[in-house]
Amino acid sequence: MIRDAEQTGFTLVEVLITLVLLSMVAAIVFGSLGQVLEARARLRPYLDQSEETALVASWFRQTVQALIADYDTGKNRFAASANTFSGLTASPLLGPAGTPTAFTWALDYDHALDFTLLEYTEKPSDSVEVARWRGRDAVFSYYGHDQEWRRVWPPSDLGTSTTALQLPQLVRLGAELAAIARAAS
């Protein structure tokens, strides 16, 4: 008795079923990938703005956290108003880190375009536009050792019995209180 040699391999039906299943999996994967890419494209402007805001906040924080008091008669004593402040920092954005560097942060409002510019300067020639936004609702404010926020530094309302330290405890870039009240109502 002669036995037929066993044949190995796949039948046409098995191959077709495998191809149908693979095409269904591929369709699901590519459909999901398309949805992810579409969502990413829609969210990209918000992500870019979020990254830019975080970077600006980091630069601002970097220079403010490294504030250094100048001599009492020094030309770079910390001085501030609602639109600008200047002094010495050990962590400049443009110069070498660790070197006491004179700097200025300024808010500049352009009436014609209704934009506020946040500018950083180390020397008259080294000015950088850090951020720009619509509107005029931003101001600097300064937190003193007496636990009060002020729009100018050094404070002039302490009287003669209290001497203010050269540097505030905190410096804040935020919206004006009037703008917050308008937005809430």
C-alpha atoms as a PDB file:
ATOM      1  CA  MET A   1       0.000   0.000   0.000  1.00  0.00           C
ATOM      2  CA  ILE A   2       1.357   3.249  -1.117  1.00  0.00           C
ATOM      3  CA  ARG A   3       0.559   6.159   0.983  1.00  0.00           C
ATOM      4  CA  ASP A   4       0.099   9.640  -0.486  1.00  0.00           C
ATOM      5  CA  ALA A   5       2.672  12.085   0.666  1.00  0.00           C
ATOM      6  CA  GLU A   6       1.213  14.504   3.181  1.00  0.00           C
ATOM      7  CA  GLN A   7       0.899  17.970   1.862  1.00  0.00           C
ATOM      8  CA  THR A   8       1.651  20.895   4.125  1.00  0.00           C
ATOM      9  CA  GLY A   9       0.613  24.539   3.686  1.00  0.00           C
ATOM     10  CA  PHE A  10      -2.456  26.736   3.861  1.00  0.00           C
ATOM     11  CA  THR A  11      -5.640  26.413   1.940  1.00  0.00           C
ATOM     12  CA  LEU A  12      -6.945  29.278  -0.126  1.00  0.00           C
ATOM     13  CA  VAL A  13      -9.744  29.843   2.402  1.00  0.00           C
ATOM     14  CA  GLU A  14      -7.272  30.195   5.298  1.00  0.00           C
ATOM     15  CA  VAL A  15      -5.168  32.714   3.391  1.00  0.00           C
ATOM     16  CA  LEU A  16      -8.256  34.771   2.472  1.00  0.00           C
ATOM     17  CA  ILE A  17      -9.512  34.813   6.078  1.00  0.00           C
ATOM     18  CA  THR A  18      -6.064  35.934   7.282  1.00  0.00           C
ATOM     19  CA  LEU A  19      -5.954  38.749   4.696  1.00  0.00           C
ATOM     20  CA  VAL A  20      -9.456  39.937   5.641  1.00  0.00           C
ATOM     21  CA  LEU A  21      -8.546  40.014   9.349  1.00  0.00           C
ATOM     22  CA  LEU A  22      -5.272  41.868   8.667  1.00  0.00           C
ATOM     23  CA  SER A  23      -7.057  44.454   6.516  1.00  0.00           C
ATOM     24  CA  MET A  24      -9.645  45.035   9.265  1.00  0.00           C
ATOM     25  CA  VAL A  25      -6.898  45.556  11.870  1.00  0.00           C
ATOM     26  CA  ALA A  26      -5.033  47.909   9.510  1.00  0.00           C
ATOM     27  CA  ALA A  27      -8.208  49.921   8.849  1.00  0.00           C
ATOM     28  CA  ILE A  28      -8.814  50.335  12.585  1.00  0.00           C
ATOM     29  CA  VAL A  29      -5.191  51.323  13.268  1.00  0.00           C
ATOM     30  CA  PHE A  30      -5.034  53.843  10.404  1.00  0.00           C
ATOM     31  CA  GLY A  31      -8.436  55.285  11.349  1.00  0.00           C
ATOM     32  CA  SER A  32      -7.277  55.801  14.930  1.00  0.00           C
ATOM     33  CA  LEU A  33      -3.992  57.285  13.754  1.00  0.00           C
ATOM     34  CA  GLY A  34      -5.908  59.709  11.533  1.00  0.00           C
ATOM     35  CA  GLN A  35      -8.041  60.808  14.496  1.00  0.00           C
ATOM     36  CA  VAL A  36      -4.934  61.342  16.655  1.00  0.00           C
ATOM     37  CA  LEU A  37      -3.263  63.420  13.942  1.00  0.00           C
ATOM     38  CA  GLU A  38      -6.431  65.473  13.420  1.00  0.00           C
ATOM     39  CA  ALA A  39      -6.758  66.142  17.170  1.00  0.00           C
ATOM     40  CA  ARG A  40      -3.089  67.101  17.347  1.00  0.00           C
ATOM     41  CA  ALA A  41      -3.487  69.521  14.428  1.00  0.00           C
ATOM     42  CA  ARG A  42      -6.485  71.157  16.134  1.00  0.00           C
ATOM     43  CA  LEU A  43      -4.694  71.451  19.482  1.00  0.00           C
ATOM     44  CA  ARG A  44      -1.312  72.553  18.085  1.00  0.00           C
ATOM     45  CA  PRO A  45      -1.950  76.334  18.371  1.00  0.00           C
ATOM     46  CA  TYR A  46      -2.974  75.911  22.014  1.00  0.00           C
ATOM     47  CA  LEU A  47       0.032  73.704  22.746  1.00  0.00           C
ATOM     48  CA  ASP A  48       2.379  76.209  21.099  1.00  0.00           C
ATOM     49  CA  GLN A  49       0.876  79.059  23.120  1.00  0.00           C
ATOM     50  CA  SER A  50       1.109  76.997  26.298  1.00  0.00           C
ATOM     51  CA  GLU A  51       4.782  76.208  25.653  1.00  0.00           C
ATOM     52  CA  GLU A  52       5.519  79.862  24.881  1.00  0.00           C
ATOM     53  CA  THR A  53       3.780  81.013  28.058  1.00  0.00           C
ATOM     54  CA  ALA A  54       5.746  78.500  30.137  1.00  0.00           C
ATOM     55  CA  LEU A  55       9.007  79.644  28.556  1.00  0.00           C
ATOM     56  CA  VAL A  56       8.266  83.343  29.182  1.00  0.00           C
ATOM     57  CA  ALA A  57       7.285  82.588  32.788  1.00  0.00           C
ATOM     58  CA  SER A  58      10.511  80.640  33.252  1.00  0.00           C
ATOM     59  CA  TRP A  59      12.652  83.489  31.883  1.00  0.00           C
ATOM     60  CA  PHE A  60      10.846  86.034  34.066  1.00  0.00           C
ATOM     61  CA  ARG A  61      11.157  83.839  37.158  1.00  0.00           C
ATOM     62  CA  GLN A  62      14.835  83.140  36.406  1.00  0.00           C
ATOM     63  CA  THR A  63      15.841  86.801  36.486  1.00  0.00           C
ATOM     64  CA  VAL A  64      13.599  87.749  39.425  1.00  0.00           C
ATOM     65  CA  GLN A  65      14.667  84.858  41.673  1.00  0.00           C
ATOM     66  CA  ALA A  66      18.305  85.887  41.243  1.00  0.00           C
ATOM     67  CA  LEU A  67      17.827  89.569  42.163  1.00  0.00           C
ATOM     68  CA  ILE A  68      20.823  91.119  43.893  1.00  0.00           C
ATOM     69  CA  ALA A  69      20.787  94.247  46.026  1.00  0.00           C
ATOM     70  CA  ASP A  70      23.174  96.973  44.837  1.00  0.00           C
ATOM     71  CA  TYR A  71      25.118  99.268  47.147  1.00  0.00           C
ATOM     72  CA  ASP A  72      23.063 102.016  48.796  1.00  0.00           C
ATOM     73  CA  THR A  73      24.682 104.537  46.445  1.00  0.00           C
ATOM     74  CA  GLY A  74      24.832 102.168  43.453  1.00  0.00           C
ATOM     75  CA  LYS A  75      23.306 103.118  40.106  1.00  0.00           C
ATOM     76  CA  ASN A  76      21.567  99.724  39.746  1.00  0.00           C
ATOM     77  CA  ARG A  77      19.465  99.717  42.899  1.00  0.00           C
ATOM     78  CA  PHE A  78      16.144  97.960  42.391  1.00  0.00           C
ATOM     79  CA  ALA A  79      13.529 100.481  41.263  1.00  0.00           C
ATOM     80  CA  ALA A  80      10.096  99.689  39.954  1.00  0.00           C
ATOM     81  CA  SER A  81       6.757 100.986  38.754  1.00  0.00           C
ATOM     82  CA  ALA A  82       3.630  99.323  37.390  1.00  0.00           C
ATOM     83  CA  ASN A  83       5.143  99.255  33.878  1.00  0.00           C
ATOM     84  CA  THR A  84       8.858  98.638  34.453  1.00  0.00           C
ATOM     85  CA  PHE A  85      11.434  97.447  36.944  1.00  0.00           C
ATOM     86  CA  SER A  86      15.196  97.289  36.884  1.00  0.00           C
ATOM     87  CA  GLY A  87      18.079  96.238  39.074  1.00  0.00           C
ATOM     88  CA  LEU A  88      20.792  93.599  39.244  1.00  0.00           C
ATOM     89  CA  THR A  89      20.378  89.872  38.638  1.00  0.00           C
ATOM     90  CA  ALA A  90      22.799  86.960  38.915  1.00  0.00           C
ATOM     91  CA  SER A  91      20.851  85.058  36.253  1.00  0.00           C
ATOM     92  CA  PRO A  92      20.598  87.271  33.172  1.00  0.00           C
ATOM     93  CA  LEU A  93      18.896  86.004  30.011  1.00  0.00           C
ATOM     94  CA  LEU A  94      21.571  87.282  27.620  1.00  0.00           C
ATOM     95  CA  GLY A  95      24.753  87.613  29.646  1.00  0.00           C
ATOM     96  CA  PRO A  96      26.816  84.994  31.458  1.00  0.00           C
ATOM     97  CA  ALA A  97      25.072  83.338  34.409  1.00  0.00           C
ATOM     98  CA  GLY A  98      26.420  84.160  37.843  1.00  0.00           C
ATOM     99  CA  THR A  99      27.636  87.602  36.822  1.00  0.00           C
ATOM    100  CA  PRO A 100      25.760  90.520  38.406  1.00  0.00           C
ATOM    101  CA  THR A 101      24.102  92.137  35.405  1.00  0.00           C
ATOM    102  CA  ALA A 102      21.950  95.258  35.177  1.00  0.00           C
ATOM    103  CA  PHE A 103      18.592  94.506  33.553  1.00  0.00           C
ATOM    104  CA  THR A 104      15.147  95.987  32.884  1.00  0.00           C
ATOM    105  CA  TRP A 105      11.767  94.338  32.365  1.00  0.00           C
ATOM    106  CA  ALA A 106       9.218  96.659  30.744  1.00  0.00           C
ATOM    107  CA  LEU A 107       5.597  96.544  29.639  1.00  0.00           C
ATOM    108  CA  ASP A 108       5.057  98.697  26.569  1.00  0.00           C
ATOM    109  CA  TYR A 109       1.524  99.303  25.310  1.00  0.00           C
ATOM    110  CA  ASP A 110       1.009 100.119  21.612  1.00  0.00           C
ATOM    111  CA  HIS A 111      -2.232 102.131  21.341  1.00  0.00           C
ATOM    112  CA  ALA A 112      -2.448 101.829  17.551  1.00  0.00           C
ATOM    113  CA  LEU A 113      -2.318  98.020  17.518  1.00  0.00           C
ATOM    114  CA  ASP A 114      -3.840  97.452  20.988  1.00  0.00           C
ATOM    115  CA  PHE A 115      -0.922  95.192  21.968  1.00  0.00           C
ATOM    116  CA  THR A 116       1.167  95.008  25.109  1.00  0.00           C
ATOM    117  CA  LEU A 117       4.818  94.087  24.673  1.00  0.00           C
ATOM    118  CA  LEU A 118       6.919  92.494  27.391  1.00  0.00           C
ATOM    119  CA  GLU A 119      10.526  93.507  26.776  1.00  0.00           C
ATOM    120  CA  TYR A 120      13.742  92.515  28.503  1.00  0.00           C
ATOM    121  CA  THR A 121      16.878  94.670  28.310  1.00  0.00           C
ATOM    122  CA  GLU A 122      20.388  94.179  29.633  1.00  0.00           C
ATOM    123  CA  LYS A 123      22.129  96.962  27.783  1.00  0.00           C
ATOM    124  CA  PRO A 124      20.607  99.672  25.620  1.00  0.00           C
ATOM    125  CA  SER A 125      21.549  97.622  22.573  1.00  0.00           C
ATOM    126  CA  ASP A 126      20.461  94.236  24.005  1.00  0.00           C
ATOM    127  CA  SER A 127      16.690  94.530  24.088  1.00  0.00           C
ATOM    128  CA  VAL A 128      14.511  91.486  23.433  1.00  0.00           C
ATOM    129  CA  GLU A 129      10.760  91.350  22.849  1.00  0.00           C
ATOM    130  CA  VAL A 130       9.824  88.376  25.016  1.00  0.00           C
ATOM    131  CA  ALA A 131       6.046  88.296  24.541  1.00  0.00           C
ATOM    132  CA  ARG A 132       3.177  90.180  22.943  1.00  0.00           C
ATOM    133  CA  TRP A 133      -0.547  89.991  23.648  1.00  0.00           C
ATOM    134  CA  ARG A 134      -3.719  91.875  22.840  1.00  0.00           C
ATOM    135  CA  GLY A 135      -4.965  94.424  25.353  1.00  0.00           C
ATOM    136  CA  ARG A 136      -3.499  96.543  28.104  1.00  0.00           C
ATOM    137  CA  ASP A 137      -4.429  94.731  31.286  1.00  0.00           C
ATOM    138  CA  ALA A 138      -0.951  93.743  32.548  1.00  0.00           C
ATOM    139  CA  VAL A 139       1.023  95.394  35.353  1.00  0.00           C
ATOM    140  CA  PHE A 140       3.944  94.595  37.622  1.00  0.00           C
ATOM    141  CA  SER A 141       3.353  94.550  41.361  1.00  0.00           C
ATOM    142  CA  TYR A 142       5.724  94.093  44.290  1.00  0.00           C
ATOM    143  CA  TYR A 143       5.187  92.323  47.605  1.00  0.00           C
ATOM    144  CA  GLY A 144       6.932  93.877  50.578  1.00  0.00           C
ATOM    145  CA  HIS A 145       8.020  92.566  53.951  1.00  0.00           C
ATOM    146  CA  ASP A 146       4.936  94.210  55.432  1.00  0.00           C
ATOM    147  CA  GLN A 147       2.813  91.728  53.426  1.00  0.00           C
ATOM    148  CA  GLU A 148       1.338  94.378  51.117  1.00  0.00           C
ATOM    149  CA  TRP A 149       1.303  94.470  47.308  1.00  0.00           C
ATOM    150  CA  ARG A 150       2.446  97.752  45.746  1.00  0.00           C
ATOM    151  CA  ARG A 151       2.704  99.231  42.263  1.00  0.00           C
ATOM    152  CA  VAL A 152       6.001 101.057  42.939  1.00  0.00           C
ATOM    153  CA  TRP A 153       9.232 100.110  44.682  1.00  0.00           C
ATOM    154  CA  PRO A 154      10.783 101.241  46.934  1.00  0.00           C
ATOM    155  CA  PRO A 155       7.562 101.993  48.749  1.00  0.00           C
ATOM    156  CA  SER A 156       6.962 105.609  49.633  1.00  0.00           C
ATOM    157  CA  ASP A 157       4.074 105.011  52.061  1.00  0.00           C
ATOM    158  CA  LEU A 158       5.991 103.350  54.903  1.00  0.00           C
ATOM    159  CA  GLY A 159       6.733 106.501  56.866  1.00  0.00           C
ATOM    160  CA  THR A 160       9.989 107.479  58.521  1.00  0.00           C
ATOM    161  CA  SER A 161      10.010 104.872  61.278  1.00  0.00           C
ATOM    162  CA  THR A 162      10.125 101.889  58.911  1.00  0.00           C
ATOM    163  CA  THR A 163      12.937 101.435  56.450  1.00  0.00           C
ATOM    164  CA  ALA A 164      12.163  99.363  53.387  1.00  0.00           C
ATOM    165  CA  LEU A 165      14.548  96.717  52.222  1.00  0.00           C
ATOM    166  CA  GLN A 166      15.992  97.320  48.781  1.00  0.00           C
ATOM    167  CA  LEU A 167      14.340  94.261  47.206  1.00  0.00           C
ATOM    168  CA  PRO A 168      10.712  93.158  47.419  1.00  0.00           C
ATOM    169  CA  GLN A 169       9.945  89.618  48.518  1.00  0.00           C
ATOM    170  CA  LEU A 170       7.998  88.882  45.315  1.00  0.00           C
ATOM    171  CA  VAL A 171       7.546  90.420  41.874  1.00  0.00           C
ATOM    172  CA  ARG A 172       4.373  89.614  39.971  1.00  0.00           C
ATOM    173  CA  LEU A 173       3.320  90.159  36.372  1.00  0.00           C
ATOM    174  CA  GLY A 174      -0.452  89.996  36.303  1.00  0.00           C
ATOM    175  CA  ALA A 175      -3.691  91.582  35.284  1.00  0.00           C
ATOM    176  CA  GLU A 176      -4.891  94.834  36.773  1.00  0.00           C
ATOM    177  CA  LEU A 177      -7.539  94.393  39.433  1.00  0.00           C
ATOM    178  CA  ALA A 178      -9.928  96.580  37.422  1.00  0.00           C
ATOM    179  CA  ALA A 179      -9.553  94.222  34.439  1.00  0.00           C
ATOM    180  CA  ILE A 180     -10.289  91.198  36.625  1.00  0.00           C
ATOM    181  CA  ALA A 181     -13.398  92.909  38.020  1.00  0.00           C
ATOM    182  CA  ARG A 182     -14.600  93.762  34.480  1.00  0.00           C
ATOM    183  CA  ALA A 183     -14.091  90.164  33.334  1.00  0.00           C
ATOM    184  CA  ALA A 184     -15.993  88.806  36.348  1.00  0.00           C
ATOM    185  CA  SER A 185     -19.040  91.041  35.814  1.00  0.00           C
END
